[in-house]
Amino acid sequence: MSIQIDKDAFPKVSKQAENTSQAAGSKSVDRKYQTLHIYSGILQVIGWIAVGIGFIVAVIGLVKFFEYSYGSIGFAGIMSGSGMALAGVVLIAMGQLICVWVDTEENTRRIAGLLENKK
């Protein structure tokens, strides 16, 4: 069983369009919203710190939970550490979502520029 591909079915791309798409494919798009990039990075760093500290607190709470006289303190440590780690994951996700929005805007602007050059 073989598949036949009709080469005429695909549109021809001119050399000028290839050069334009290669230039646009590089990161030549002006970076707008620099403040959002910085804010996104700060959110992600704070999120990773919260995840790390929350994990450490949860592990300490787990150890204290199995000690004879510190059961309730250990349970509180497990719950607070888990909550902090979960909050950190939410912060990381929010930072990544901001990056997605900004990247979508940059790609939309780049595509609009390519379409404008095509006219």
PDB file of N, CA and C in Angstrom:
ATOM      1  N   MET A   1       0.841  -1.163   0.000  1.00  0.00           N
ATOM      2  CA  MET A   1       0.000   0.000   0.000  1.00  0.00           C
ATOM      3  C   MET A   1       0.894   1.236   0.000  1.00  0.00           C
ATOM      4  N   SER A   2       0.779   2.074  -1.001  1.00  0.00           N
ATOM      5  CA  SER A   2       1.593   3.279  -1.070  1.00  0.00           C
ATOM      6  C   SER A   2       0.691   4.502  -1.165  1.00  0.00           C
ATOM      7  N   ILE A   3       1.208   5.599  -0.682  1.00  0.00           N
ATOM      8  CA  ILE A   3       0.455   6.849  -0.691  1.00  0.00           C
ATOM      9  C   ILE A   3       1.067   7.766  -1.728  1.00  0.00           C
ATOM     10  N   GLN A   4       0.243   8.275  -2.614  1.00  0.00           N
ATOM     11  CA  GLN A   4       0.687   9.204  -3.645  1.00  0.00           C
ATOM     12  C   GLN A   4       0.386  10.619  -3.191  1.00  0.00           C
ATOM     13  N   ILE A   5       1.394  11.502  -3.260  1.00  0.00           N
ATOM     14  CA  ILE A   5       1.222  12.891  -2.857  1.00  0.00           C
ATOM     15  C   ILE A   5       1.301  13.758  -4.104  1.00  0.00           C
ATOM     16  N   ASP A   6       0.261  14.553  -4.291  1.00  0.00           N
ATOM     17  CA  ASP A   6       0.220  15.477  -5.410  1.00  0.00           C
ATOM     18  C   ASP A   6       0.954  16.750  -5.012  1.00  0.00           C
ATOM     19  N   LYS A   7       2.118  16.979  -5.625  1.00  0.00           N
ATOM     20  CA  LYS A   7       2.931  18.141  -5.266  1.00  0.00           C
ATOM     21  C   LYS A   7       2.285  19.452  -5.693  1.00  0.00           C
ATOM     22  N   ASP A   8       1.411  19.413  -6.675  1.00  0.00           N
ATOM     23  CA  ASP A   8       0.740  20.628  -7.128  1.00  0.00           C
ATOM     24  C   ASP A   8      -0.358  21.066  -6.166  1.00  0.00           C
ATOM     25  N   ALA A   9      -0.736  20.208  -5.234  1.00  0.00           N
ATOM     26  CA  ALA A   9      -1.797  20.554  -4.289  1.00  0.00           C
ATOM     27  C   ALA A   9      -1.308  21.540  -3.229  1.00  0.00           C
ATOM     28  N   PHE A  10      -0.005  21.622  -3.052  1.00  0.00           N
ATOM     29  CA  PHE A  10       0.536  22.534  -2.054  1.00  0.00           C
ATOM     30  C   PHE A  10       0.876  23.865  -2.702  1.00  0.00           C
ATOM     31  N   PRO A  11       0.621  24.979  -2.015  1.00  0.00           N
ATOM     32  CA  PRO A  11       0.924  26.291  -2.600  1.00  0.00           C
ATOM     33  C   PRO A  11       2.424  26.514  -2.701  1.00  0.00           C
ATOM     34  N   LYS A  12       2.801  27.229  -3.742  1.00  0.00           N
ATOM     35  CA  LYS A  12       4.203  27.582  -3.933  1.00  0.00           C
ATOM     36  C   LYS A  12       4.542  28.765  -3.027  1.00  0.00           C
ATOM     37  N   VAL A  13       5.707  28.705  -2.430  1.00  0.00           N
ATOM     38  CA  VAL A  13       6.155  29.781  -1.551  1.00  0.00           C
ATOM     39  C   VAL A  13       7.288  30.501  -2.249  1.00  0.00           C
ATOM     40  N   SER A  14       7.148  31.813  -2.365  1.00  0.00           N
ATOM     41  CA  SER A  14       8.183  32.588  -3.039  1.00  0.00           C
ATOM     42  C   SER A  14       9.378  32.760  -2.094  1.00  0.00           C
ATOM     43  N   LYS A  15      10.522  33.110  -2.679  1.00  0.00           N
ATOM     44  CA  LYS A  15      11.726  33.338  -1.883  1.00  0.00           C
ATOM     45  C   LYS A  15      11.532  34.511  -0.921  1.00  0.00           C
ATOM     46  N   GLN A  16      10.787  35.548  -1.354  1.00  0.00           N
ATOM     47  CA  GLN A  16      10.557  36.701  -0.492  1.00  0.00           C
ATOM     48  C   GLN A  16       9.734  36.300   0.737  1.00  0.00           C
ATOM     49  N   ALA A  17       8.733  35.450   0.544  1.00  0.00           N
ATOM     50  CA  ALA A  17       7.913  35.013   1.677  1.00  0.00           C
ATOM     51  C   ALA A  17       8.730  34.147   2.631  1.00  0.00           C
ATOM     52  N   GLU A  18       9.641  33.317   2.082  1.00  0.00           N
ATOM     53  CA  GLU A  18      10.487  32.497   2.937  1.00  0.00           C
ATOM     54  C   GLU A  18      11.410  33.371   3.776  1.00  0.00           C
ATOM     55  N   ASN A  19      12.000  34.407   3.150  1.00  0.00           N
ATOM     56  CA  ASN A  19      12.890  35.298   3.894  1.00  0.00           C
ATOM     57  C   ASN A  19      12.130  36.059   4.971  1.00  0.00           C
ATOM     58  N   THR A  20      10.907  36.488   4.650  1.00  0.00           N
ATOM     59  CA  THR A  20      10.095  37.216   5.628  1.00  0.00           C
ATOM     60  C   THR A  20       9.742  36.319   6.804  1.00  0.00           C
ATOM     61  N   SER A  21       9.370  35.064   6.526  1.00  0.00           N
ATOM     62  CA  SER A  21       8.984  34.167   7.609  1.00  0.00           C
ATOM     63  C   SER A  21      10.197  33.771   8.451  1.00  0.00           C
ATOM     64  N   GLN A  22      11.370  33.676   7.813  1.00  0.00           N
ATOM     65  CA  GLN A  22      12.563  33.356   8.589  1.00  0.00           C
ATOM     66  C   GLN A  22      12.938  34.516   9.498  1.00  0.00           C
ATOM     67  N   ALA A  23      12.790  35.730   8.997  1.00  0.00           N
ATOM     68  CA  ALA A  23      13.106  36.893   9.818  1.00  0.00           C
ATOM     69  C   ALA A  23      12.100  37.032  10.951  1.00  0.00           C
ATOM     70  N   ALA A  24      10.843  36.752  10.654  1.00  0.00           N
ATOM     71  CA  ALA A  24       9.823  36.855  11.695  1.00  0.00           C
ATOM     72  C   ALA A  24       9.913  35.685  12.666  1.00  0.00           C
ATOM     73  N   GLY A  25      10.441  34.547  12.202  1.00  0.00           N
ATOM     74  CA  GLY A  25      10.569  33.393  13.070  1.00  0.00           C
ATOM     75  C   GLY A  25      11.594  33.611  14.161  1.00  0.00           C
ATOM     76  N   SER A  26      12.572  34.459  13.876  1.00  0.00           N
ATOM     77  CA  SER A  26      13.520  34.778  14.932  1.00  0.00           C
ATOM     78  C   SER A  26      12.854  35.720  15.914  1.00  0.00           C
ATOM     79  N   LYS A  27      13.471  35.924  17.042  1.00  0.00           N
ATOM     80  CA  LYS A  27      12.879  36.753  18.087  1.00  0.00           C
ATOM     81  C   LYS A  27      13.072  38.237  17.768  1.00  0.00           C
ATOM     82  N   SER A  28      12.675  38.652  16.571  1.00  0.00           N
ATOM     83  CA  SER A  28      12.831  40.047  16.202  1.00  0.00           C
ATOM     84  C   SER A  28      11.620  40.886  16.608  1.00  0.00           C
ATOM     85  N   VAL A  29      10.612  40.247  17.166  1.00  0.00           N
ATOM     86  CA  VAL A  29       9.423  40.965  17.603  1.00  0.00           C
ATOM     87  C   VAL A  29       9.780  41.773  18.841  1.00  0.00           C
ATOM     88  N   ASP A  30       9.378  43.046  18.843  1.00  0.00           N
ATOM     89  CA  ASP A  30       9.635  43.891  20.014  1.00  0.00           C
ATOM     90  C   ASP A  30       8.929  43.305  21.224  1.00  0.00           C
ATOM     91  N   ARG A  31       9.627  43.281  22.318  1.00  0.00           N
ATOM     92  CA  ARG A  31       9.045  42.729  23.547  1.00  0.00           C
ATOM     93  C   ARG A  31       8.271  43.832  24.254  1.00  0.00           C
ATOM     94  N   LYS A  32       6.969  43.793  24.090  1.00  0.00           N
ATOM     95  CA  LYS A  32       6.107  44.697  24.837  1.00  0.00           C
ATOM     96  C   LYS A  32       5.800  44.045  26.177  1.00  0.00           C
ATOM     97  N   TYR A  33       5.210  44.809  27.042  1.00  0.00           N
ATOM     98  CA  TYR A  33       4.755  44.301  28.335  1.00  0.00           C
ATOM     99  C   TYR A  33       5.902  43.707  29.150  1.00  0.00           C
ATOM    100  N   GLN A  34       7.026  44.411  29.180  1.00  0.00           N
ATOM    101  CA  GLN A  34       8.180  43.941  29.937  1.00  0.00           C
ATOM    102  C   GLN A  34       7.847  43.804  31.420  1.00  0.00           C
ATOM    103  N   THR A  35       6.978  44.680  31.910  1.00  0.00           N
ATOM    104  CA  THR A  35       6.587  44.613  33.322  1.00  0.00           C
ATOM    105  C   THR A  35       5.874  43.301  33.624  1.00  0.00           C
ATOM    106  N   LEU A  36       5.042  42.844  32.703  1.00  0.00           N
ATOM    107  CA  LEU A  36       4.359  41.559  32.908  1.00  0.00           C
ATOM    108  C   LEU A  36       5.348  40.398  32.920  1.00  0.00           C
ATOM    109  N   HIS A  37       6.372  40.470  32.080  1.00  0.00           N
ATOM    110  CA  HIS A  37       7.394  39.420  32.104  1.00  0.00           C
ATOM    111  C   HIS A  37       8.093  39.390  33.464  1.00  0.00           C
ATOM    112  N   ILE A  38       8.430  40.562  33.982  1.00  0.00           N
ATOM    113  CA  ILE A  38       9.092  40.625  35.285  1.00  0.00           C
ATOM    114  C   ILE A  38       8.169  40.117  36.380  1.00  0.00           C
ATOM    115  N   TYR A  39       6.914  40.576  36.364  1.00  0.00           N
ATOM    116  CA  TYR A  39       5.932  40.151  37.369  1.00  0.00           C
ATOM    117  C   TYR A  39       5.713  38.645  37.309  1.00  0.00           C
ATOM    118  N   SER A  40       5.659  38.100  36.114  1.00  0.00           N
ATOM    119  CA  SER A  40       5.491  36.657  35.954  1.00  0.00           C
ATOM    120  C   SER A  40       6.675  35.901  36.548  1.00  0.00           C
ATOM    121  N   GLY A  41       7.871  36.393  36.308  1.00  0.00           N
ATOM    122  CA  GLY A  41       9.055  35.755  36.874  1.00  0.00           C
ATOM    123  C   GLY A  41       9.068  35.814  38.390  1.00  0.00           C
ATOM    124  N   ILE A  42       8.666  36.964  38.948  1.00  0.00           N
ATOM    125  CA  ILE A  42       8.618  37.102  40.405  1.00  0.00           C
ATOM    126  C   ILE A  42       7.601  36.133  40.997  1.00  0.00           C
ATOM    127  N   LEU A  43       6.418  36.035  40.363  1.00  0.00           N
ATOM    128  CA  LEU A  43       5.401  35.094  40.843  1.00  0.00           C
ATOM    129  C   LEU A  43       5.925  33.661  40.856  1.00  0.00           C
ATOM    130  N   GLN A  44       6.626  33.289  39.799  1.00  0.00           N
ATOM    131  CA  GLN A  44       7.135  31.926  39.713  1.00  0.00           C
ATOM    132  C   GLN A  44       8.214  31.662  40.758  1.00  0.00           C
ATOM    133  N   VAL A  45       9.086  32.621  40.983  1.00  0.00           N
ATOM    134  CA  VAL A  45      10.131  32.438  41.998  1.00  0.00           C
ATOM    135  C   VAL A  45       9.513  32.310  43.388  1.00  0.00           C
ATOM    136  N   ILE A  46       8.563  33.199  43.703  1.00  0.00           N
ATOM    137  CA  ILE A  46       7.881  33.116  44.999  1.00  0.00           C
ATOM    138  C   ILE A  46       7.144  31.780  45.115  1.00  0.00           C
ATOM    139  N   GLY A  47       6.530  31.346  44.015  1.00  0.00           N
ATOM    140  CA  GLY A  47       5.825  30.063  44.023  1.00  0.00           C
ATOM    141  C   GLY A  47       6.751  28.897  44.310  1.00  0.00           C
ATOM    142  N   TRP A  48       7.917  28.875  43.675  1.00  0.00           N
ATOM    143  CA  TRP A  48       8.859  27.765  43.922  1.00  0.00           C
ATOM    144  C   TRP A  48       9.395  27.804  45.350  1.00  0.00           C
ATOM    145  N   ILE A  49       9.614  29.010  45.872  1.00  0.00           N
ATOM    146  CA  ILE A  49      10.054  29.119  47.270  1.00  0.00           C
ATOM    147  C   ILE A  49       8.969  28.580  48.201  1.00  0.00           C
ATOM    148  N   ALA A  50       7.719  28.934  47.927  1.00  0.00           N
ATOM    149  CA  ALA A  50       6.606  28.453  48.755  1.00  0.00           C
ATOM    150  C   ALA A  50       6.475  26.939  48.671  1.00  0.00           C
ATOM    151  N   VAL A  51       6.658  26.376  47.482  1.00  0.00           N
ATOM    152  CA  VAL A  51       6.596  24.918  47.343  1.00  0.00           C
ATOM    153  C   VAL A  51       7.700  24.262  48.166  1.00  0.00           C
ATOM    154  N   GLY A  52       8.913  24.799  48.088  1.00  0.00           N
ATOM    155  CA  GLY A  52      10.033  24.225  48.846  1.00  0.00           C
ATOM    156  C   GLY A  52       9.834  24.312  50.347  1.00  0.00           C
ATOM    157  N   ILE A  53       9.452  25.500  50.814  1.00  0.00           N
ATOM    158  CA  ILE A  53       9.234  25.657  52.257  1.00  0.00           C
ATOM    159  C   ILE A  53       8.050  24.808  52.712  1.00  0.00           C
ATOM    160  N   GLY A  54       6.988  24.778  51.930  1.00  0.00           N
ATOM    161  CA  GLY A  54       5.821  23.967  52.283  1.00  0.00           C
ATOM    162  C   GLY A  54       6.148  22.493  52.367  1.00  0.00           C
ATOM    163  N   PHE A  55       6.980  22.013  51.443  1.00  0.00           N
ATOM    164  CA  PHE A  55       7.394  20.607  51.472  1.00  0.00           C
ATOM    165  C   PHE A  55       8.206  20.315  52.732  1.00  0.00           C
ATOM    166  N   ILE A  56       9.123  21.215  53.067  1.00  0.00           N
ATOM    167  CA  ILE A  56       9.944  21.018  54.269  1.00  0.00           C
ATOM    168  C   ILE A  56       9.077  21.013  55.528  1.00  0.00           C
ATOM    169  N   VAL A  57       8.136  21.959  55.611  1.00  0.00           N
ATOM    170  CA  VAL A  57       7.250  22.021  56.772  1.00  0.00           C
ATOM    171  C   VAL A  57       6.395  20.757  56.864  1.00  0.00           C
ATOM    172  N   ALA A  58       5.912  20.273  55.723  1.00  0.00           N
ATOM    173  CA  ALA A  58       5.085  19.059  55.729  1.00  0.00           C
ATOM    174  C   ALA A  58       5.893  17.842  56.168  1.00  0.00           C
ATOM    175  N   VAL A  59       7.146  17.748  55.733  1.00  0.00           N
ATOM    176  CA  VAL A  59       7.985  16.610  56.144  1.00  0.00           C
ATOM    177  C   VAL A  59       8.280  16.681  57.645  1.00  0.00           C
ATOM    178  N   ILE A  60       8.594  17.878  58.144  1.00  0.00           N
ATOM    179  CA  ILE A  60       8.829  18.025  59.581  1.00  0.00           C
ATOM    180  C   ILE A  60       7.558  17.678  60.357  1.00  0.00           C
ATOM    181  N   GLY A  61       6.422  18.135  59.860  1.00  0.00           N
ATOM    182  CA  GLY A  61       5.151  17.806  60.502  1.00  0.00           C
ATOM    183  C   GLY A  61       4.870  16.323  60.498  1.00  0.00           C
ATOM    184  N   LEU A  62       5.243  15.645  59.410  1.00  0.00           N
ATOM    185  CA  LEU A  62       5.053  14.194  59.332  1.00  0.00           C
ATOM    186  C   LEU A  62       5.920  13.477  60.363  1.00  0.00           C
ATOM    187  N   VAL A  63       7.151  13.945  60.519  1.00  0.00           N
ATOM    188  CA  VAL A  63       8.035  13.345  61.528  1.00  0.00           C
ATOM    189  C   VAL A  63       7.474  13.585  62.925  1.00  0.00           C
ATOM    190  N   LYS A  64       7.045  14.814  63.192  1.00  0.00           N
ATOM    191  CA  LYS A  64       6.495  15.138  64.517  1.00  0.00           C
ATOM    192  C   LYS A  64       5.178  14.409  64.779  1.00  0.00           C
ATOM    193  N   PHE A  65       4.435  14.112  63.730  1.00  0.00           N
ATOM    194  CA  PHE A  65       3.148  13.433  63.890  1.00  0.00           C
ATOM    195  C   PHE A  65       3.334  12.047  64.504  1.00  0.00           C
ATOM    196  N   PHE A  66       4.410  11.379  64.139  1.00  0.00           N
ATOM    197  CA  PHE A  66       4.631  10.025  64.637  1.00  0.00           C
ATOM    198  C   PHE A  66       5.387   9.985  65.967  1.00  0.00           C
ATOM    199  N   GLU A  67       5.814  11.154  66.452  1.00  0.00           N
ATOM    200  CA  GLU A  67       6.381  11.183  67.792  1.00  0.00           C
ATOM    201  C   GLU A  67       5.240  11.150  68.800  1.00  0.00           C
ATOM    202  N   TYR A  68       5.483  10.574  69.942  1.00  0.00           N
ATOM    203  CA  TYR A  68       4.423  10.312  70.920  1.00  0.00           C
ATOM    204  C   TYR A  68       3.743  11.580  71.431  1.00  0.00           C
ATOM    205  N   SER A  69       4.482  12.606  71.785  1.00  0.00           N
ATOM    206  CA  SER A  69       3.870  13.751  72.458  1.00  0.00           C
ATOM    207  C   SER A  69       3.544  14.921  71.524  1.00  0.00           C
ATOM    208  N   TYR A  70       3.883  14.820  70.230  1.00  0.00           N
ATOM    209  CA  TYR A  70       3.685  15.955  69.319  1.00  0.00           C
ATOM    210  C   TYR A  70       2.706  15.635  68.192  1.00  0.00           C
ATOM    211  N   GLY A  71       1.736  14.787  68.408  1.00  0.00           N
ATOM    212  CA  GLY A  71       0.826  14.366  67.344  1.00  0.00           C
ATOM    213  C   GLY A  71       0.023  15.492  66.730  1.00  0.00           C
ATOM    214  N   SER A  72      -0.575  16.340  67.564  1.00  0.00           N
ATOM    215  CA  SER A  72      -1.419  17.410  67.024  1.00  0.00           C
ATOM    216  C   SER A  72      -0.584  18.491  66.343  1.00  0.00           C
ATOM    217  N   ILE A  73       0.601  18.767  66.868  1.00  0.00           N
ATOM    218  CA  ILE A  73       1.486  19.738  66.226  1.00  0.00           C
ATOM    219  C   ILE A  73       1.955  19.199  64.880  1.00  0.00           C
ATOM    220  N   GLY A  74       2.237  17.927  64.837  1.00  0.00           N
ATOM    221  CA  GLY A  74       2.651  17.308  63.571  1.00  0.00           C
ATOM    222  C   GLY A  74       1.558  17.376  62.523  1.00  0.00           C
ATOM    223  N   PHE A  75       0.314  17.124  62.947  1.00  0.00           N
ATOM    224  CA  PHE A  75      -0.802  17.191  62.002  1.00  0.00           C
ATOM    225  C   PHE A  75      -0.961  18.614  61.467  1.00  0.00           C
ATOM    226  N   ALA A  76      -0.821  19.599  62.350  1.00  0.00           N
ATOM    227  CA  ALA A  76      -0.904  21.002  61.921  1.00  0.00           C
ATOM    228  C   ALA A  76       0.220  21.332  60.935  1.00  0.00           C
ATOM    229  N   GLY A  77       1.404  20.769  61.185  1.00  0.00           N
ATOM    230  CA  GLY A  77       2.519  20.988  60.265  1.00  0.00           C
ATOM    231  C   GLY A  77       2.281  20.369  58.905  1.00  0.00           C
ATOM    232  N   ILE A  78       1.720  19.174  58.905  1.00  0.00           N
ATOM    233  CA  ILE A  78       1.420  18.507  57.634  1.00  0.00           C
ATOM    234  C   ILE A  78       0.412  19.331  56.832  1.00  0.00           C
ATOM    235  N   MET A  79      -0.643  19.763  57.504  1.00  0.00           N
ATOM    236  CA  MET A  79      -1.696  20.509  56.811  1.00  0.00           C
ATOM    237  C   MET A  79      -1.203  21.882  56.333  1.00  0.00           C
ATOM    238  N   SER A  80      -0.483  22.598  57.187  1.00  0.00           N
ATOM    239  CA  SER A  80      -0.009  23.930  56.781  1.00  0.00           C
ATOM    240  C   SER A  80       1.058  23.823  55.692  1.00  0.00           C
ATOM    241  N   GLY A  81       1.940  22.834  55.790  1.00  0.00           N
ATOM    242  CA  GLY A  81       2.955  22.648  54.747  1.00  0.00           C
ATOM    243  C   GLY A  81       2.342  22.263  53.413  1.00  0.00           C
ATOM    244  N   SER A  82       1.345  21.397  53.454  1.00  0.00           N
ATOM    245  CA  SER A  82       0.665  20.999  52.215  1.00  0.00           C
ATOM    246  C   SER A  82      -0.076  22.182  51.600  1.00  0.00           C
ATOM    247  N   GLY A  83      -0.713  22.973  52.454  1.00  0.00           N
ATOM    248  CA  GLY A  83      -1.408  24.160  51.954  1.00  0.00           C
ATOM    249  C   GLY A  83      -0.464  25.168  51.342  1.00  0.00           C
ATOM    250  N   MET A  84       0.681  25.350  51.968  1.00  0.00           N
ATOM    251  CA  MET A  84       1.664  26.289  51.436  1.00  0.00           C
ATOM    252  C   MET A  84       2.221  25.795  50.095  1.00  0.00           C
ATOM    253  N   ALA A  85       2.482  24.501  49.996  1.00  0.00           N
ATOM    254  CA  ALA A  85       2.973  23.946  48.741  1.00  0.00           C
ATOM    255  C   ALA A  85       1.925  24.093  47.638  1.00  0.00           C
ATOM    256  N   LEU A  86       0.667  23.864  47.992  1.00  0.00           N
ATOM    257  CA  LEU A  86      -0.404  24.020  47.005  1.00  0.00           C
ATOM    258  C   LEU A  86      -0.533  25.476  46.559  1.00  0.00           C
ATOM    259  N   ALA A  87      -0.419  26.407  47.497  1.00  0.00           N
ATOM    260  CA  ALA A  87      -0.456  27.829  47.145  1.00  0.00           C
ATOM    261  C   ALA A  87       0.720  28.189  46.231  1.00  0.00           C
ATOM    262  N   GLY A  88       1.876  27.585  46.484  1.00  0.00           N
ATOM    263  CA  GLY A  88       3.028  27.818  45.615  1.00  0.00           C
ATOM    264  C   GLY A  88       2.796  27.322  44.207  1.00  0.00           C
ATOM    265  N   VAL A  89       2.162  26.174  44.075  1.00  0.00           N
ATOM    266  CA  VAL A  89       1.850  25.640  42.742  1.00  0.00           C
ATOM    267  C   VAL A  89       0.881  26.577  42.016  1.00  0.00           C
ATOM    268  N   VAL A  90      -0.072  27.132  42.744  1.00  0.00           N
ATOM    269  CA  VAL A  90      -1.013  28.082  42.134  1.00  0.00           C
ATOM    270  C   VAL A  90      -0.272  29.334  41.663  1.00  0.00           C
ATOM    271  N   LEU A  91       0.677  29.832  42.455  1.00  0.00           N
ATOM    272  CA  LEU A  91       1.462  30.995  42.047  1.00  0.00           C
ATOM    273  C   LEU A  91       2.287  30.698  40.795  1.00  0.00           C
ATOM    274  N   ILE A  92       2.871  29.524  40.736  1.00  0.00           N
ATOM    275  CA  ILE A  92       3.642  29.135  39.550  1.00  0.00           C
ATOM    276  C   ILE A  92       2.735  29.096  38.326  1.00  0.00           C
ATOM    277  N   ALA A  93       1.553  28.517  38.477  1.00  0.00           N
ATOM    278  CA  ALA A  93       0.600  28.437  37.367  1.00  0.00           C
ATOM    279  C   ALA A  93       0.157  29.827  36.916  1.00  0.00           C
ATOM    280  N   MET A  94      -0.049  30.730  37.861  1.00  0.00           N
ATOM    281  CA  MET A  94      -0.437  32.097  37.493  1.00  0.00           C
ATOM    282  C   MET A  94       0.680  32.791  36.707  1.00  0.00           C
ATOM    283  N   GLY A  95       1.920  32.598  37.137  1.00  0.00           N
ATOM    284  CA  GLY A  95       3.046  33.174  36.404  1.00  0.00           C
ATOM    285  C   GLY A  95       3.164  32.606  35.005  1.00  0.00           C
ATOM    286  N   GLN A  96       2.959  31.315  34.865  1.00  0.00           N
ATOM    287  CA  GLN A  96       3.012  30.694  33.544  1.00  0.00           C
ATOM    288  C   GLN A  96       1.862  31.172  32.659  1.00  0.00           C
ATOM    289  N   LEU A  97       0.696  31.377  33.249  1.00  0.00           N
ATOM    290  CA  LEU A  97      -0.450  31.864  32.486  1.00  0.00           C
ATOM    291  C   LEU A  97      -0.198  33.266  31.948  1.00  0.00           C
ATOM    292  N   ILE A  98       0.436  34.110  32.741  1.00  0.00           N
ATOM    293  CA  ILE A  98       0.792  35.443  32.263  1.00  0.00           C
ATOM    294  C   ILE A  98       1.749  35.335  31.075  1.00  0.00           C
ATOM    295  N   CYS A  99       2.710  34.421  31.156  1.00  0.00           N
ATOM    296  CA  CYS A  99       3.639  34.203  30.037  1.00  0.00           C
ATOM    297  C   CYS A  99       2.894  33.766  28.772  1.00  0.00           C
ATOM    298  N   VAL A 100       1.908  32.903  28.944  1.00  0.00           N
ATOM    299  CA  VAL A 100       1.126  32.434  27.791  1.00  0.00           C
ATOM    300  C   VAL A 100       0.394  33.595  27.146  1.00  0.00           C
ATOM    301  N   TRP A 101      -0.231  34.457  27.966  1.00  0.00           N
ATOM    302  CA  TRP A 101      -0.961  35.598  27.407  1.00  0.00           C
ATOM    303  C   TRP A 101      -0.033  36.533  26.641  1.00  0.00           C
ATOM    304  N   VAL A 102       1.125  36.829  27.208  1.00  0.00           N
ATOM    305  CA  VAL A 102       2.058  37.739  26.548  1.00  0.00           C
ATOM    306  C   VAL A 102       2.617  37.100  25.273  1.00  0.00           C
ATOM    307  N   ASP A 103       2.947  35.822  25.322  1.00  0.00           N
ATOM    308  CA  ASP A 103       3.449  35.142  24.123  1.00  0.00           C
ATOM    309  C   ASP A 103       2.392  35.089  23.032  1.00  0.00           C
ATOM    310  N   THR A 104       1.126  34.915  23.415  1.00  0.00           N
ATOM    311  CA  THR A 104       0.042  34.916  22.426  1.00  0.00           C
ATOM    312  C   THR A 104      -0.052  36.277  21.754  1.00  0.00           C
ATOM    313  N   GLU A 105       0.081  37.346  22.537  1.00  0.00           N
ATOM    314  CA  GLU A 105       0.045  38.687  21.958  1.00  0.00           C
ATOM    315  C   GLU A 105       1.209  38.890  21.005  1.00  0.00           C
ATOM    316  N   GLU A 106       2.407  38.441  21.378  1.00  0.00           N
ATOM    317  CA  GLU A 106       3.573  38.610  20.510  1.00  0.00           C
ATOM    318  C   GLU A 106       3.418  37.820  19.216  1.00  0.00           C
ATOM    319  N   ASN A 107       2.921  36.598  19.319  1.00  0.00           N
ATOM    320  CA  ASN A 107       2.734  35.785  18.116  1.00  0.00           C
ATOM    321  C   ASN A 107       1.646  36.362  17.225  1.00  0.00           C
ATOM    322  N   THR A 108       0.580  36.887  17.817  1.00  0.00           N
ATOM    323  CA  THR A 108      -0.480  37.507  17.025  1.00  0.00           C
ATOM    324  C   THR A 108       0.046  38.726  16.291  1.00  0.00           C
ATOM    325  N   ARG A 109       0.849  39.532  16.982  1.00  0.00           N
ATOM    326  CA  ARG A 109       1.434  40.714  16.342  1.00  0.00           C
ATOM    327  C   ARG A 109       2.391  40.319  15.219  1.00  0.00           C
ATOM    328  N   ARG A 110       3.158  39.256  15.444  1.00  0.00           N
ATOM    329  CA  ARG A 110       4.086  38.797  14.407  1.00  0.00           C
ATOM    330  C   ARG A 110       3.333  38.293  13.186  1.00  0.00           C
ATOM    331  N   ILE A 111       2.262  37.538  13.395  1.00  0.00           N
ATOM    332  CA  ILE A 111       1.470  37.023  12.275  1.00  0.00           C
ATOM    333  C   ILE A 111       0.787  38.163  11.533  1.00  0.00           C
ATOM    334  N   ALA A 112       0.294  39.156  12.273  1.00  0.00           N
ATOM    335  CA  ALA A 112      -0.330  40.325  11.637  1.00  0.00           C
ATOM    336  C   ALA A 112       0.706  41.048  10.765  1.00  0.00           C
ATOM    337  N   GLY A 113       1.934  41.144  11.254  1.00  0.00           N
ATOM    338  CA  GLY A 113       2.991  41.756  10.455  1.00  0.00           C
ATOM    339  C   GLY A 113       3.299  40.972   9.200  1.00  0.00           C
ATOM    340  N   LEU A 114       3.300  39.648   9.311  1.00  0.00           N
ATOM    341  CA  LEU A 114       3.536  38.816   8.120  1.00  0.00           C
ATOM    342  C   LEU A 114       2.409  38.971   7.112  1.00  0.00           C
ATOM    343  N   LEU A 115       1.191  39.015   7.585  1.00  0.00           N
ATOM    344  CA  LEU A 115       0.054  39.196   6.677  1.00  0.00           C
ATOM    345  C   LEU A 115       0.076  40.574   6.035  1.00  0.00           C
ATOM    346  N   GLU A 116       0.514  41.583   6.784  1.00  0.00           N
ATOM    347  CA  GLU A 116       0.613  42.924   6.253  1.00  0.00           C
ATOM    348  C   GLU A 116       1.684  42.989   5.172  1.00  0.00           C
ATOM    349  N   ASN A 117       2.795  42.297   5.363  1.00  0.00           N
ATOM    350  CA  ASN A 117       3.860  42.268   4.356  1.00  0.00           C
ATOM    351  C   ASN A 117       3.452  41.491   3.125  1.00  0.00           C
ATOM    352  N   LYS A 118       2.514  40.567   3.283  1.00  0.00           N
ATOM    353  CA  LYS A 118       2.095  39.730   2.157  1.00  0.00           C
ATOM    354  C   LYS A 118       1.232  40.516   1.173  1.00  0.00           C
ATOM    355  N   LYS A 119       0.551  41.573   1.646  1.00  0.00           N
ATOM    356  CA  LYS A 119      -0.339  42.345   0.765  1.00  0.00           C
ATOM    357  C   LYS A 119       0.394  43.065  -0.292  1.00  0.00           C
TER     358      LYS A 119
END
